[in-house]
Amino acid sequence: GVRLVGSEMCIREGPSIGFVSKLRFEGIGIRVDSVKEGLLKMRLGFSHLVQLTIPSSVDIFSPNRTTLILSCRDHLVLTQFIATIKSKKSLNSYKGFGIRGFNEVPSLKEFKKK
């Protein structure tokens, strides 16, 4: 059956079908640039593109510039690659900008009160 697993919100369908996870890119200048030839290029608000080599067992699809869908038969490889992607742009704790799982709700801090 289909169920959610872990903080990365992987949809677990079993080893025969594989595991699927969605990432959301939120914020100004934070988006997927391209996915091709085993290379993931992202714009993360820096002056340069951030490039990651995609593991051979991971399949990536980007329906739009703010969503990334990853699938893999090996749950460990998938979660490690998701952690690597997330480590490139941490969540902004005040506005919630950055890279996060599709169903993740960021815990936001309160602004200073005058």
C-alpha atoms as a PDB file:
ATOM      1  CA  GLY A   1       0.000   0.000   0.000  1.00  0.00           C
ATOM      2  CA  VAL A   2       0.921   3.659  -0.255  1.00  0.00           C
ATOM      3  CA  ARG A   3       1.954   5.462   2.926  1.00  0.00           C
ATOM      4  CA  LEU A   4       4.118   8.384   3.995  1.00  0.00           C
ATOM      5  CA  VAL A   5       7.486   7.646   5.582  1.00  0.00           C
ATOM      6  CA  GLY A   6       9.905   9.906   7.440  1.00  0.00           C
ATOM      7  CA  SER A   7      10.466  13.639   7.454  1.00  0.00           C
ATOM      8  CA  GLU A   8      11.168  13.731   3.706  1.00  0.00           C
ATOM      9  CA  MET A   9       7.596  12.548   3.079  1.00  0.00           C
ATOM     10  CA  CYS A  10       8.591   9.699   0.777  1.00  0.00           C
ATOM     11  CA  ILE A  11       5.611   7.862  -0.610  1.00  0.00           C
ATOM     12  CA  ARG A  12       6.494   4.272   0.099  1.00  0.00           C
ATOM     13  CA  GLU A  13       5.175   1.878  -2.488  1.00  0.00           C
ATOM     14  CA  GLY A  14       7.585  -0.981  -1.914  1.00  0.00           C
ATOM     15  CA  PRO A  15      10.836  -2.188  -3.460  1.00  0.00           C
ATOM     16  CA  SER A  16       9.170  -3.516  -6.618  1.00  0.00           C
ATOM     17  CA  ILE A  17       7.706  -0.095  -7.538  1.00  0.00           C
ATOM     18  CA  GLY A  18      10.085   2.201  -5.688  1.00  0.00           C
ATOM     19  CA  PHE A  19       9.909   5.274  -3.484  1.00  0.00           C
ATOM     20  CA  VAL A  20       8.737   8.709  -4.618  1.00  0.00           C
ATOM     21  CA  SER A  21       9.356  12.088  -3.009  1.00  0.00           C
ATOM     22  CA  LYS A  22       8.420  15.669  -3.935  1.00  0.00           C
ATOM     23  CA  LEU A  23      10.428  18.770  -3.097  1.00  0.00           C
ATOM     24  CA  ARG A  24       9.143  22.344  -3.268  1.00  0.00           C
ATOM     25  CA  PHE A  25      11.408  25.323  -4.007  1.00  0.00           C
ATOM     26  CA  GLU A  26       9.963  28.470  -2.413  1.00  0.00           C
ATOM     27  CA  GLY A  27      11.225  32.023  -2.476  1.00  0.00           C
ATOM     28  CA  ILE A  28      12.553  34.701  -4.781  1.00  0.00           C
ATOM     29  CA  GLY A  29      15.311  33.332  -7.027  1.00  0.00           C
ATOM     30  CA  ILE A  30      14.964  29.781  -5.683  1.00  0.00           C
ATOM     31  CA  ARG A  31      14.095  27.353  -8.492  1.00  0.00           C
ATOM     32  CA  VAL A  32      15.163  24.338 -10.530  1.00  0.00           C
ATOM     33  CA  ASP A  33      17.154  25.462 -13.565  1.00  0.00           C
ATOM     34  CA  SER A  34      17.569  22.180 -15.461  1.00  0.00           C
ATOM     35  CA  VAL A  35      17.681  18.410 -15.060  1.00  0.00           C
ATOM     36  CA  LYS A  36      19.690  16.671 -17.782  1.00  0.00           C
ATOM     37  CA  GLU A  37      22.683  14.406 -18.442  1.00  0.00           C
ATOM     38  CA  GLY A  38      22.895  13.257 -14.827  1.00  0.00           C
ATOM     39  CA  LEU A  39      23.221  16.834 -13.579  1.00  0.00           C
ATOM     40  CA  LEU A  40      20.758  18.855 -11.489  1.00  0.00           C
ATOM     41  CA  LYS A  41      21.215  22.628 -11.802  1.00  0.00           C
ATOM     42  CA  MET A  42      19.457  24.894  -9.317  1.00  0.00           C
ATOM     43  CA  ARG A  43      19.213  28.629  -8.790  1.00  0.00           C
ATOM     44  CA  LEU A  44      19.205  29.183  -5.044  1.00  0.00           C
ATOM     45  CA  GLY A  45      19.507  32.947  -4.763  1.00  0.00           C
ATOM     46  CA  PHE A  46      23.291  32.933  -5.072  1.00  0.00           C
ATOM     47  CA  SER A  47      25.302  34.628  -7.826  1.00  0.00           C
ATOM     48  CA  HIS A  48      26.096  31.209  -9.315  1.00  0.00           C
ATOM     49  CA  LEU A  49      24.236  28.042 -10.301  1.00  0.00           C
ATOM     50  CA  VAL A  50      24.407  25.164  -7.828  1.00  0.00           C
ATOM     51  CA  GLN A  51      25.088  21.835  -9.565  1.00  0.00           C
ATOM     52  CA  LEU A  52      24.655  18.336  -8.172  1.00  0.00           C
ATOM     53  CA  THR A  53      25.461  15.017  -9.802  1.00  0.00           C
ATOM     54  CA  ILE A  54      22.375  12.808  -9.794  1.00  0.00           C
ATOM     55  CA  PRO A  55      23.001   9.233  -8.555  1.00  0.00           C
ATOM     56  CA  SER A  56      22.429   6.683 -11.323  1.00  0.00           C
ATOM     57  CA  SER A  57      19.612   4.915  -9.453  1.00  0.00           C
ATOM     58  CA  VAL A  58      17.601   8.125  -8.856  1.00  0.00           C
ATOM     59  CA  ASP A  59      15.073   9.355 -11.452  1.00  0.00           C
ATOM     60  CA  ILE A  60      14.227  13.061 -11.382  1.00  0.00           C
ATOM     61  CA  PHE A  61      11.362  14.897 -13.047  1.00  0.00           C
ATOM     62  CA  SER A  62      10.595  18.609 -12.805  1.00  0.00           C
ATOM     63  CA  PRO A  63       7.031  19.473 -13.924  1.00  0.00           C
ATOM     64  CA  ASN A  64       7.683  23.170 -13.248  1.00  0.00           C
ATOM     65  CA  ARG A  65      10.503  25.348 -11.929  1.00  0.00           C
ATOM     66  CA  THR A  66       9.438  25.118  -8.293  1.00  0.00           C
ATOM     67  CA  THR A  67       8.745  21.376  -7.984  1.00  0.00           C
ATOM     68  CA  LEU A  68      11.079  18.394  -8.131  1.00  0.00           C
ATOM     69  CA  ILE A  69       9.825  14.783  -8.125  1.00  0.00           C
ATOM     70  CA  LEU A  70      12.417  12.139  -7.234  1.00  0.00           C
ATOM     71  CA  SER A  71      12.026   8.373  -7.394  1.00  0.00           C
ATOM     72  CA  CYS A  72      14.326   5.481  -6.587  1.00  0.00           C
ATOM     73  CA  ARG A  73      14.074   1.811  -5.642  1.00  0.00           C
ATOM     74  CA  ASP A  74      16.548   2.266  -2.756  1.00  0.00           C
ATOM     75  CA  HIS A  75      15.044   4.319   0.091  1.00  0.00           C
ATOM     76  CA  LEU A  76      18.447   5.101   1.648  1.00  0.00           C
ATOM     77  CA  VAL A  77      19.922   6.502  -1.586  1.00  0.00           C
ATOM     78  CA  LEU A  78      16.809   8.634  -2.130  1.00  0.00           C
ATOM     79  CA  THR A  79      16.767  10.144   1.375  1.00  0.00           C
ATOM     80  CA  GLN A  80      20.521  10.842   1.292  1.00  0.00           C
ATOM     81  CA  PHE A  81      20.187  12.652  -2.048  1.00  0.00           C
ATOM     82  CA  ILE A  82      17.204  14.660  -0.727  1.00  0.00           C
ATOM     83  CA  ALA A  83      19.276  15.652   2.319  1.00  0.00           C
ATOM     84  CA  THR A  84      22.104  16.772   0.007  1.00  0.00           C
ATOM     85  CA  ILE A  85      19.688  18.933  -2.029  1.00  0.00           C
ATOM     86  CA  LYS A  86      18.163  20.454   1.115  1.00  0.00           C
ATOM     87  CA  SER A  87      21.600  21.220   2.572  1.00  0.00           C
ATOM     88  CA  LYS A  88      22.364  23.562  -0.336  1.00  0.00           C
ATOM     89  CA  LYS A  89      19.698  26.069   0.787  1.00  0.00           C
ATOM     90  CA  SER A  90      18.417  25.881   4.346  1.00  0.00           C
ATOM     91  CA  LEU A  91      14.929  27.102   5.210  1.00  0.00           C
ATOM     92  CA  ASN A  92      14.560  30.733   6.202  1.00  0.00           C
ATOM     93  CA  SER A  93      13.132  30.508   9.728  1.00  0.00           C
ATOM     94  CA  TYR A  94      11.159  33.778   9.430  1.00  0.00           C
ATOM     95  CA  LYS A  95       9.497  33.558   6.001  1.00  0.00           C
ATOM     96  CA  GLY A  96       9.841  29.852   5.170  1.00  0.00           C
ATOM     97  CA  PHE A  97      11.849  30.307   1.955  1.00  0.00           C
ATOM     98  CA  GLY A  98      14.128  27.494   0.810  1.00  0.00           C
ATOM     99  CA  ILE A  99      13.835  23.843  -0.184  1.00  0.00           C
ATOM    100  CA  ARG A 100      11.387  21.628   1.676  1.00  0.00           C
ATOM    101  CA  GLY A 101       9.283  18.527   1.300  1.00  0.00           C
ATOM    102  CA  PHE A 102       5.897  18.981  -0.344  1.00  0.00           C
ATOM    103  CA  ASN A 103       3.884  18.245   2.818  1.00  0.00           C
ATOM    104  CA  GLU A 104       6.383  19.749   5.277  1.00  0.00           C
ATOM    105  CA  VAL A 105       5.139  22.682   7.330  1.00  0.00           C
ATOM    106  CA  PRO A 106       8.019  24.946   8.417  1.00  0.00           C
ATOM    107  CA  SER A 107       8.033  26.166  12.004  1.00  0.00           C
ATOM    108  CA  LEU A 108       8.347  29.920  11.645  1.00  0.00           C
ATOM    109  CA  LYS A 109       9.739  32.335  14.225  1.00  0.00           C
ATOM    110  CA  GLU A 110       7.907  35.474  15.232  1.00  0.00           C
ATOM    111  CA  PHE A 111       9.185  38.851  14.062  1.00  0.00           C
ATOM    112  CA  LYS A 112      10.505  41.306  16.642  1.00  0.00           C
ATOM    113  CA  LYS A 113       7.831  43.442  18.209  1.00  0.00           C
ATOM    114  CA  LYS A 114       8.483  47.144  18.647  1.00  0.00           C
END
